[in-house]
C-alpha atoms as a PDB file:
ATOM      1  CA  MET A   1     -10.392 -11.795  21.959  1.00  0.00           C
ATOM      2  CA  HIS A   2      -9.951  -8.728  19.773  1.00  0.00           C
ATOM      3  CA  GLU A   3      -6.455  -8.476  18.328  1.00  0.00           C
ATOM      4  CA  ARG A   4      -5.134  -4.911  18.546  1.00  0.00           C
ATOM      5  CA  VAL A   5      -2.962  -4.926  15.389  1.00  0.00           C
ATOM      6  CA  TRP A   6      -4.295  -6.120  12.041  1.00  0.00           C
ATOM      7  CA  LEU A   7      -2.197  -6.360   8.890  1.00  0.00           C
ATOM      8  CA  VAL A   8      -4.203  -6.325   5.650  1.00  0.00           C
ATOM      9  CA  MET A   9      -2.391  -7.910   2.706  1.00  0.00           C
ATOM     10  CA  PRO A  10      -4.119  -8.027  -0.694  1.00  0.00           C
ATOM     11  CA  THR A  11      -2.998 -10.812  -3.009  1.00  0.00           C
ATOM     12  CA  TYR A  12      -3.415 -11.653  -6.662  1.00  0.00           C
ATOM     13  CA  ASN A  13      -1.193 -14.364  -8.139  1.00  0.00           C
ATOM     14  CA  GLU A  14       1.287 -14.383  -5.268  1.00  0.00           C
ATOM     15  CA  ALA A  15       1.731 -18.171  -5.028  1.00  0.00           C
ATOM     16  CA  GLU A  16       5.502 -17.736  -5.311  1.00  0.00           C
ATOM     17  CA  ASN A  17       5.623 -15.412  -2.298  1.00  0.00           C
ATOM     18  CA  ILE A  18       2.779 -16.183   0.095  1.00  0.00           C
ATOM     19  CA  ASN A  19       4.373 -19.161   1.867  1.00  0.00           C
ATOM     20  CA  ARG A  20       7.474 -17.094   2.667  1.00  0.00           C
ATOM     21  CA  ILE A  21       5.943 -13.720   3.464  1.00  0.00           C
ATOM     22  CA  ILE A  22       3.473 -14.908   6.120  1.00  0.00           C
ATOM     23  CA  PRO A  23       6.048 -16.480   8.488  1.00  0.00           C
ATOM     24  CA  ALA A  24       8.235 -13.384   8.104  1.00  0.00           C
ATOM     25  CA  VAL A  25       5.335 -11.044   8.860  1.00  0.00           C
ATOM     26  CA  HIS A  26       4.242 -13.107  11.853  1.00  0.00           C
ATOM     27  CA  ALA A  27       7.765 -13.088  13.308  1.00  0.00           C
ATOM     28  CA  ALA A  28       8.052  -9.305  12.907  1.00  0.00           C
ATOM     29  CA  LEU A  29       4.676  -8.599  14.512  1.00  0.00           C
ATOM     30  CA  GLU A  30       5.450 -10.924  17.417  1.00  0.00           C
ATOM     31  CA  GLN A  31       8.188  -8.441  18.374  1.00  0.00           C
ATOM     32  CA  VAL A  32       5.735  -5.592  18.983  1.00  0.00           C
ATOM     33  CA  ALA A  33       2.346  -7.260  19.454  1.00  0.00           C
ATOM     34  CA  PRO A  34       2.965 -10.801  20.715  1.00  0.00           C
ATOM     35  CA  GLY A  35      -0.281 -12.744  20.558  1.00  0.00           C
ATOM     36  CA  ASP A  36      -2.116  -9.529  19.779  1.00  0.00           C
ATOM     37  CA  HIS A  37      -2.010  -9.357  15.994  1.00  0.00           C
ATOM     38  CA  ARG A  38      -3.880 -10.758  13.026  1.00  0.00           C
ATOM     39  CA  VAL A  39      -2.886 -11.044   9.367  1.00  0.00           C
ATOM     40  CA  LEU A  40      -5.759 -10.731   6.904  1.00  0.00           C
ATOM     41  CA  ILE A  41      -5.006 -12.001   3.401  1.00  0.00           C
ATOM     42  CA  VAL A  42      -7.461 -10.531   0.899  1.00  0.00           C
ATOM     43  CA  ASP A  43      -7.293 -12.689  -2.203  1.00  0.00           C
ATOM     44  CA  ASP A  44      -9.006 -11.677  -5.443  1.00  0.00           C
ATOM     45  CA  ASN A  45      -9.645 -15.230  -6.697  1.00  0.00           C
ATOM     46  CA  SER A  46      -6.065 -15.668  -7.901  1.00  0.00           C
ATOM     47  CA  PRO A  47      -5.903 -18.172 -10.776  1.00  0.00           C
ATOM     48  CA  ASP A  48      -2.480 -19.397  -9.610  1.00  0.00           C
ATOM     49  CA  GLY A  49      -3.906 -20.896  -6.398  1.00  0.00           C
ATOM     50  CA  THR A  50      -2.806 -18.185  -3.951  1.00  0.00           C
ATOM     51  CA  GLY A  51      -6.150 -18.416  -2.156  1.00  0.00           C
ATOM     52  CA  ALA A  52      -5.761 -22.130  -1.445  1.00  0.00           C
ATOM     53  CA  LEU A  53      -2.232 -21.596  -0.169  1.00  0.00           C
ATOM     54  CA  ALA A  54      -3.533 -18.806   2.060  1.00  0.00           C
ATOM     55  CA  ASP A  55      -6.189 -21.142   3.480  1.00  0.00           C
ATOM     56  CA  ALA A  56      -3.480 -23.675   4.300  1.00  0.00           C
ATOM     57  CA  LEU A  57      -1.465 -20.980   6.076  1.00  0.00           C
ATOM     58  CA  ALA A  58      -4.554 -20.061   8.102  1.00  0.00           C
ATOM     59  CA  THR A  59      -4.611 -23.605   9.493  1.00  0.00           C
ATOM     60  CA  GLU A  60      -0.907 -23.388  10.339  1.00  0.00           C
ATOM     61  CA  PHE A  61      -0.889 -19.904  11.880  1.00  0.00           C
ATOM     62  CA  ASP A  62      -3.620 -18.949  14.345  1.00  0.00           C
ATOM     63  CA  CYS A  63      -3.114 -15.276  13.497  1.00  0.00           C
ATOM     64  CA  VAL A  64      -3.941 -15.693   9.789  1.00  0.00           C
ATOM     65  CA  GLU A  65      -7.374 -15.142   8.287  1.00  0.00           C
ATOM     66  CA  VAL A  66      -8.344 -15.192   4.603  1.00  0.00           C
ATOM     67  CA  LEU A  67     -10.963 -13.051   2.897  1.00  0.00           C
ATOM     68  CA  HIS A  68     -11.833 -14.464  -0.515  1.00  0.00           C
ATOM     69  CA  ARG A  69     -13.241 -12.086  -3.110  1.00  0.00           C
ATOM     70  CA  LEU A  70     -14.931 -13.260  -6.280  1.00  0.00           C
ATOM     71  CA  GLU A  71     -12.767 -11.401  -8.772  1.00  0.00           C
ATOM     72  CA  LYS A  72      -9.934  -8.953  -9.256  1.00  0.00           C
ATOM     73  CA  ALA A  73     -11.720  -5.670  -8.633  1.00  0.00           C
ATOM     74  CA  GLY A  74      -8.848  -3.328  -7.817  1.00  0.00           C
ATOM     75  CA  LEU A  75      -6.368  -2.761  -5.014  1.00  0.00           C
ATOM     76  CA  GLY A  76      -8.383   0.040  -3.447  1.00  0.00           C
ATOM     77  CA  LYS A  77     -11.484  -2.131  -3.110  1.00  0.00           C
ATOM     78  CA  ALA A  78      -9.413  -4.979  -1.694  1.00  0.00           C
ATOM     79  CA  TYR A  79      -7.997  -2.670   0.963  1.00  0.00           C
ATOM     80  CA  THR A  80     -11.418  -1.226   1.741  1.00  0.00           C
ATOM     81  CA  ALA A  81     -12.835  -4.728   2.230  1.00  0.00           C
ATOM     82  CA  GLY A  82      -9.891  -5.675   4.442  1.00  0.00           C
ATOM     83  CA  PHE A  83     -10.014  -2.492   6.520  1.00  0.00           C
ATOM     84  CA  THR A  84     -13.764  -2.920   7.018  1.00  0.00           C
ATOM     85  CA  ARG A  85     -13.268  -6.476   8.254  1.00  0.00           C
ATOM     86  CA  ALA A  86     -10.477  -5.416  10.620  1.00  0.00           C
ATOM     87  CA  LEU A  87     -12.516  -2.575  12.117  1.00  0.00           C
ATOM     88  CA  ALA A  88     -15.532  -4.846  12.595  1.00  0.00           C
ATOM     89  CA  ALA A  89     -13.295  -7.255  14.531  1.00  0.00           C
ATOM     90  CA  GLY A  90     -12.094  -4.519  16.883  1.00  0.00           C
ATOM     91  CA  ALA A  91      -8.700  -3.600  15.420  1.00  0.00           C
ATOM     92  CA  GLU A  92      -7.046  -0.510  16.910  1.00  0.00           C
ATOM     93  CA  LEU A  93      -4.140  -0.347  14.461  1.00  0.00           C
ATOM     94  CA  VAL A  94      -4.626  -1.394  10.832  1.00  0.00           C
ATOM     95  CA  MET A  95      -1.543  -1.952   8.692  1.00  0.00           C
ATOM     96  CA  GLU A  96      -1.118  -2.521   4.977  1.00  0.00           C
ATOM     97  CA  MET A  97       1.737  -3.891   2.926  1.00  0.00           C
ATOM     98  CA  ASP A  98       2.499  -5.741  -0.312  1.00  0.00           C
ATOM     99  CA  ALA A  99       2.817  -9.521  -0.355  1.00  0.00           C
ATOM    100  CA  ASP A 100       5.878  -9.715  -2.640  1.00  0.00           C
ATOM    101  CA  PHE A 101       8.676  -8.669  -0.240  1.00  0.00           C
ATOM    102  CA  SER A 102       8.994  -5.242  -1.870  1.00  0.00           C
ATOM    103  CA  HIS A 103       7.962  -4.104   1.617  1.00  0.00           C
ATOM    104  CA  ASP A 104      10.406  -5.710   4.045  1.00  0.00           C
ATOM    105  CA  PRO A 105       8.575  -7.209   7.063  1.00  0.00           C
ATOM    106  CA  ALA A 106      11.540  -6.120   9.193  1.00  0.00           C
ATOM    107  CA  HIS A 107      10.164  -2.558   9.035  1.00  0.00           C
ATOM    108  CA  LEU A 108       6.853  -3.507  10.678  1.00  0.00           C
ATOM    109  CA  PRO A 109       7.997  -2.883  14.291  1.00  0.00           C
ATOM    110  CA  ALA A 110       9.183   0.631  13.405  1.00  0.00           C
ATOM    111  CA  LEU A 111       5.802   1.510  11.890  1.00  0.00           C
ATOM    112  CA  VAL A 112       3.946   0.247  14.959  1.00  0.00           C
ATOM    113  CA  ALA A 113       6.298   2.148  17.285  1.00  0.00           C
ATOM    114  CA  ALA A 114       5.823   5.389  15.334  1.00  0.00           C
ATOM    115  CA  ALA A 115       2.045   5.005  15.686  1.00  0.00           C
ATOM    116  CA  GLU A 116       2.405   5.785  19.385  1.00  0.00           C
ATOM    117  CA  GLU A 117       2.856   9.436  18.412  1.00  0.00           C
ATOM    118  CA  ALA A 118       1.101   9.634  15.031  1.00  0.00           C
ATOM    119  CA  ASP A 119      -2.325   8.778  13.688  1.00  0.00           C
ATOM    120  CA  LEU A 120      -1.082   7.519  10.313  1.00  0.00           C
ATOM    121  CA  VAL A 121       2.437   6.229   9.680  1.00  0.00           C
ATOM    122  CA  ILE A 122       3.883   5.809   6.193  1.00  0.00           C
ATOM    123  CA  GLY A 123       6.847   3.613   5.389  1.00  0.00           C
ATOM    124  CA  SER A 124       8.635   6.148   3.220  1.00  0.00           C
ATOM    125  CA  ARG A 125      11.167   5.697   0.438  1.00  0.00           C
ATOM    126  CA  TYR A 126      11.855   9.408   0.228  1.00  0.00           C
ATOM    127  CA  VAL A 127      12.855  10.557   3.698  1.00  0.00           C
ATOM    128  CA  PRO A 128      16.453  10.331   4.983  1.00  0.00           C
ATOM    129  CA  GLY A 129      17.347   6.683   5.454  1.00  0.00           C
ATOM    130  CA  GLY A 130      14.778   5.462   2.934  1.00  0.00           C
ATOM    131  CA  GLY A 131      15.345   4.363  -0.629  1.00  0.00           C
ATOM    132  CA  THR A 132      14.662   1.903  -3.441  1.00  0.00           C
ATOM    133  CA  ARG A 133      16.554  -1.075  -4.836  1.00  0.00           C
ATOM    134  CA  ASN A 134      16.515  -2.716  -8.264  1.00  0.00           C
ATOM    135  CA  TRP A 135      14.583   0.116  -9.922  1.00  0.00           C
ATOM    136  CA  GLY A 136      15.375   1.410 -13.374  1.00  0.00           C
ATOM    137  CA  MET A 137      15.700   5.113 -14.096  1.00  0.00           C
ATOM    138  CA  LEU A 138      12.241   5.375 -15.719  1.00  0.00           C
ATOM    139  CA  ARG A 139      10.463   3.931 -12.705  1.00  0.00           C
ATOM    140  CA  ARG A 140      12.406   6.216 -10.376  1.00  0.00           C
ATOM    141  CA  LEU A 141      11.385   9.244 -12.439  1.00  0.00           C
ATOM    142  CA  ILE A 142       7.723   8.205 -12.546  1.00  0.00           C
ATOM    143  CA  SER A 143       7.601   7.624  -8.804  1.00  0.00           C
ATOM    144  CA  ARG A 144       9.434  10.815  -7.847  1.00  0.00           C
ATOM    145  CA  GLY A 145       7.559  12.894 -10.399  1.00  0.00           C
ATOM    146  CA  GLY A 146       4.186  11.501  -9.351  1.00  0.00           C
ATOM    147  CA  GLY A 147       4.892  12.286  -5.727  1.00  0.00           C
ATOM    148  CA  LEU A 148       5.981  15.833  -6.495  1.00  0.00           C
ATOM    149  CA  TYR A 149       2.903  16.379  -8.681  1.00  0.00           C
ATOM    150  CA  ALA A 150       0.528  15.158  -5.957  1.00  0.00           C
ATOM    151  CA  ARG A 151       2.252  17.164  -3.204  1.00  0.00           C
ATOM    152  CA  THR A 152       2.096  20.321  -5.298  1.00  0.00           C
ATOM    153  CA  ILE A 153      -1.557  19.967  -6.309  1.00  0.00           C
ATOM    154  CA  LEU A 154      -2.737  18.945  -2.833  1.00  0.00           C
ATOM    155  CA  GLY A 155      -0.504  21.347  -0.939  1.00  0.00           C
ATOM    156  CA  ILE A 156       0.743  18.858   1.642  1.00  0.00           C
ATOM    157  CA  ASP A 157       4.238  18.009   2.819  1.00  0.00           C
ATOM    158  CA  VAL A 158       4.372  14.213   2.594  1.00  0.00           C
ATOM    159  CA  ARG A 159       7.354  12.855   0.696  1.00  0.00           C
ATOM    160  CA  ASP A 160       5.941   9.431  -0.187  1.00  0.00           C
ATOM    161  CA  LEU A 161       2.271   9.958  -0.959  1.00  0.00           C
ATOM    162  CA  THR A 162       2.020   6.849  -3.146  1.00  0.00           C
ATOM    163  CA  GLY A 163       3.571   4.523  -0.556  1.00  0.00           C
ATOM    164  CA  GLY A 164       1.521   1.436   0.287  1.00  0.00           C
ATOM    165  CA  TYR A 165       3.269   0.459   3.533  1.00  0.00           C
ATOM    166  CA  LYS A 166       1.180   2.042   6.289  1.00  0.00           C
ATOM    167  CA  CYS A 167       0.029   1.818   9.880  1.00  0.00           C
ATOM    168  CA  ILE A 168      -3.294   3.576  10.497  1.00  0.00           C
ATOM    169  CA  HIS A 169      -5.189   4.158  13.720  1.00  0.00           C
ATOM    170  CA  ARG A 170      -8.789   3.032  13.863  1.00  0.00           C
ATOM    171  CA  ARG A 171      -9.986   6.604  14.460  1.00  0.00           C
ATOM    172  CA  VAL A 172      -8.577   7.686  11.095  1.00  0.00           C
ATOM    173  CA  LEU A 173     -10.335   4.999   9.082  1.00  0.00           C
ATOM    174  CA  GLU A 174     -13.600   5.666  10.890  1.00  0.00           C
ATOM    175  CA  ARG A 175     -13.367   9.383  10.142  1.00  0.00           C
ATOM    176  CA  ILE A 176     -12.377   9.441   6.459  1.00  0.00           C
ATOM    177  CA  ASP A 177     -15.409   7.531   5.116  1.00  0.00           C
ATOM    178  CA  LEU A 178     -13.678   4.566   3.489  1.00  0.00           C
ATOM    179  CA  GLU A 179     -16.655   3.581   1.384  1.00  0.00           C
ATOM    180  CA  SER A 180     -16.497   6.875  -0.514  1.00  0.00           C
ATOM    181  CA  VAL A 181     -12.833   6.393  -1.521  1.00  0.00           C
ATOM    182  CA  ARG A 182     -13.048   5.480  -5.188  1.00  0.00           C
ATOM    183  CA  ALA A 183      -9.410   5.639  -6.259  1.00  0.00           C
ATOM    184  CA  ASP A 184      -7.346   2.512  -6.868  1.00  0.00           C
ATOM    185  CA  GLY A 185      -3.640   1.725  -6.813  1.00  0.00           C
ATOM    186  CA  TYR A 186      -1.487   4.828  -6.306  1.00  0.00           C
ATOM    187  CA  GLY A 187      -4.593   6.984  -6.186  1.00  0.00           C
ATOM    188  CA  PHE A 188      -6.000   5.037  -3.235  1.00  0.00           C
ATOM    189  CA  GLN A 189      -2.817   5.567  -1.225  1.00  0.00           C
ATOM    190  CA  ILE A 190      -2.787   9.288  -2.006  1.00  0.00           C
ATOM    191  CA  GLU A 191      -6.448   9.768  -1.153  1.00  0.00           C
ATOM    192  CA  VAL A 192      -6.330   7.977   2.206  1.00  0.00           C
ATOM    193  CA  THR A 193      -3.356  10.054   3.343  1.00  0.00           C
ATOM    194  CA  TYR A 194      -4.806  13.304   2.008  1.00  0.00           C
ATOM    195  CA  ARG A 195      -8.150  12.764   3.702  1.00  0.00           C
ATOM    196  CA  ALA A 196      -6.398  11.975   6.978  1.00  0.00           C
ATOM    197  CA  ILE A 197      -4.406  15.198   6.820  1.00  0.00           C
ATOM    198  CA  GLN A 198      -7.449  17.239   5.894  1.00  0.00           C
ATOM    199  CA  ALA A 199      -9.282  15.782   8.878  1.00  0.00           C
ATOM    200  CA  GLY A 200      -6.531  17.066  11.160  1.00  0.00           C
ATOM    201  CA  PHE A 201      -4.736  13.788  11.878  1.00  0.00           C
ATOM    202  CA  ARG A 202      -0.990  13.556  12.453  1.00  0.00           C
ATOM    203  CA  VAL A 203       0.992  11.838   9.689  1.00  0.00           C
ATOM    204  CA  ARG A 204       4.553  10.652  10.149  1.00  0.00           C
ATOM    205  CA  GLU A 205       6.963   9.074   7.673  1.00  0.00           C
ATOM    206  CA  VAL A 206       9.544   6.499   8.742  1.00  0.00           C
ATOM    207  CA  PRO A 207      12.294   5.353   6.368  1.00  0.00           C
ATOM    208  CA  ILE A 208      12.052   2.035   4.536  1.00  0.00           C
ATOM    209  CA  ILE A 209      14.008   0.413   1.735  1.00  0.00           C
ATOM    210  CA  PHE A 210      11.697  -0.663  -1.085  1.00  0.00           C
ATOM    211  CA  THR A 211      13.062  -3.608  -3.066  1.00  0.00           C
ATOM    212  CA  ASP A 212      11.512  -4.546  -6.397  1.00  0.00           C
ATOM    213  CA  ARG A 213       9.916  -7.979  -6.358  1.00  0.00           C
ATOM    214  CA  ARG A 214      12.030 -11.014  -7.228  1.00  0.00           C
ATOM    215  CA  ALA A 215       9.170 -13.490  -7.784  1.00  0.00           C
ATOM    216  CA  GLY A 216       5.850 -13.088  -9.585  1.00  0.00           C
ATOM    217  CA  SER A 217       4.800 -10.220 -11.812  1.00  0.00           C
ATOM    218  CA  SER A 218       4.215  -6.572 -10.925  1.00  0.00           C
ATOM    219  CA  LYS A 219       0.621  -5.329 -10.714  1.00  0.00           C
ATOM    220  CA  MET A 220       1.675  -1.779 -11.608  1.00  0.00           C
ATOM    221  CA  SER A 221       0.358  -0.480 -14.922  1.00  0.00           C
ATOM    222  CA  TRP A 222       0.112   2.749 -16.894  1.00  0.00           C
ATOM    223  CA  ARG A 223      -3.635   2.693 -16.252  1.00  0.00           C
ATOM    224  CA  ILE A 224      -3.088   2.850 -12.487  1.00  0.00           C
ATOM    225  CA  ALA A 225      -0.565   5.685 -12.842  1.00  0.00           C
ATOM    226  CA  ALA A 226      -2.874   7.624 -15.182  1.00  0.00           C
ATOM    227  CA  GLU A 227      -5.804   7.180 -12.821  1.00  0.00           C
ATOM    228  CA  ALA A 228      -3.806   8.718  -9.980  1.00  0.00           C
ATOM    229  CA  PHE A 229      -2.721  11.624 -12.214  1.00  0.00           C
ATOM    230  CA  LEU A 230      -6.315  12.426 -13.140  1.00  0.00           C
ATOM    231  CA  LEU A 231      -7.811  11.930  -9.684  1.00  0.00           C
ATOM    232  CA  VAL A 232      -5.444  14.173  -7.710  1.00  0.00           C
ATOM    233  CA  PRO A 233      -7.033  17.478  -8.882  1.00  0.00           C
ATOM    234  CA  LYS A 234     -10.459  15.993  -8.180  1.00  0.00           C
ATOM    235  CA  MET A 235      -9.386  15.159  -4.608  1.00  0.00           C
ATOM    236  CA  ARG A 236      -8.397  18.788  -4.106  1.00  0.00           C
ATOM    237  CA  ARG A 237     -11.740  20.053  -5.423  1.00  0.00           C
ATOM    238  CA  THR A 238     -13.776  17.538  -3.433  1.00  0.00           C
ATOM    239  CA  HIS A 239     -11.884  18.006  -0.162  1.00  0.00           C
ATOM    240  CA  PRO A 240     -10.485  21.553  -0.137  1.00  0.00           C
ATOM    241  CA  PRO A 241      -8.435  22.379   2.982  1.00  0.00           C
ATOM    242  CA  SER A 242     -10.609  25.293   4.073  1.00  0.00           C
ATOM    243  CA  LEU A 243     -13.688  23.062   4.222  1.00  0.00           C
ATOM    244  CA  THR A 244     -12.351  19.832   5.648  1.00  0.00           C
ATOM    245  CA  ARG A 245      -9.639  20.653   8.133  1.00  0.00           C
ATOM    246  CA  SER A 246     -10.731  20.351  11.746  1.00  0.00           C
END
């Protein structure tokens, strides 16, 4: 049997969250794809034992699968590995979300529903009804400013370009040449959405509330933010609208 909906969830040192997030995700997906979903945990050899906990969850939940990677090699590569596995298994919708409850599993049904009319759906903090909780002023400014910068350089009207809560149709991932996406972190999220738009796919944003993690440590760093800042102009040069839009 090929499950229609796959959720790819990268993990690195998420031992404090993994045992709670998987039951919540499973319950949410049962609402929209009962018996027709799979959760792929992509663990980067977490030293805190997340991988072993994920293996135990895979024995408890039939829908859970674990992909173990040898080392922490970046969020973008983890997603690429997960997406590739999902496509090979016949997934029609591929979702992505964080494992730390910053992305509320309760929003999963809305993303799947929106995919009936869109090729790529983004859980957006910056459309009406969306927002953030427990963020300081500096992080709000960095996030808003980074989004405005990317929208301006790339010339596209997506409010939450750096958002990592997505639902993507198979046809999009097959078209955008995943293996050539080199960006990581924020940059990966921007590049996937930009390439989808430039290929002529429909993108829709649905509101979510993003809540800063309560357990574990954030993987965000200045290096990831700087990488995105530097890569955005390169994305525009490499995939100019006049050459890539279909």
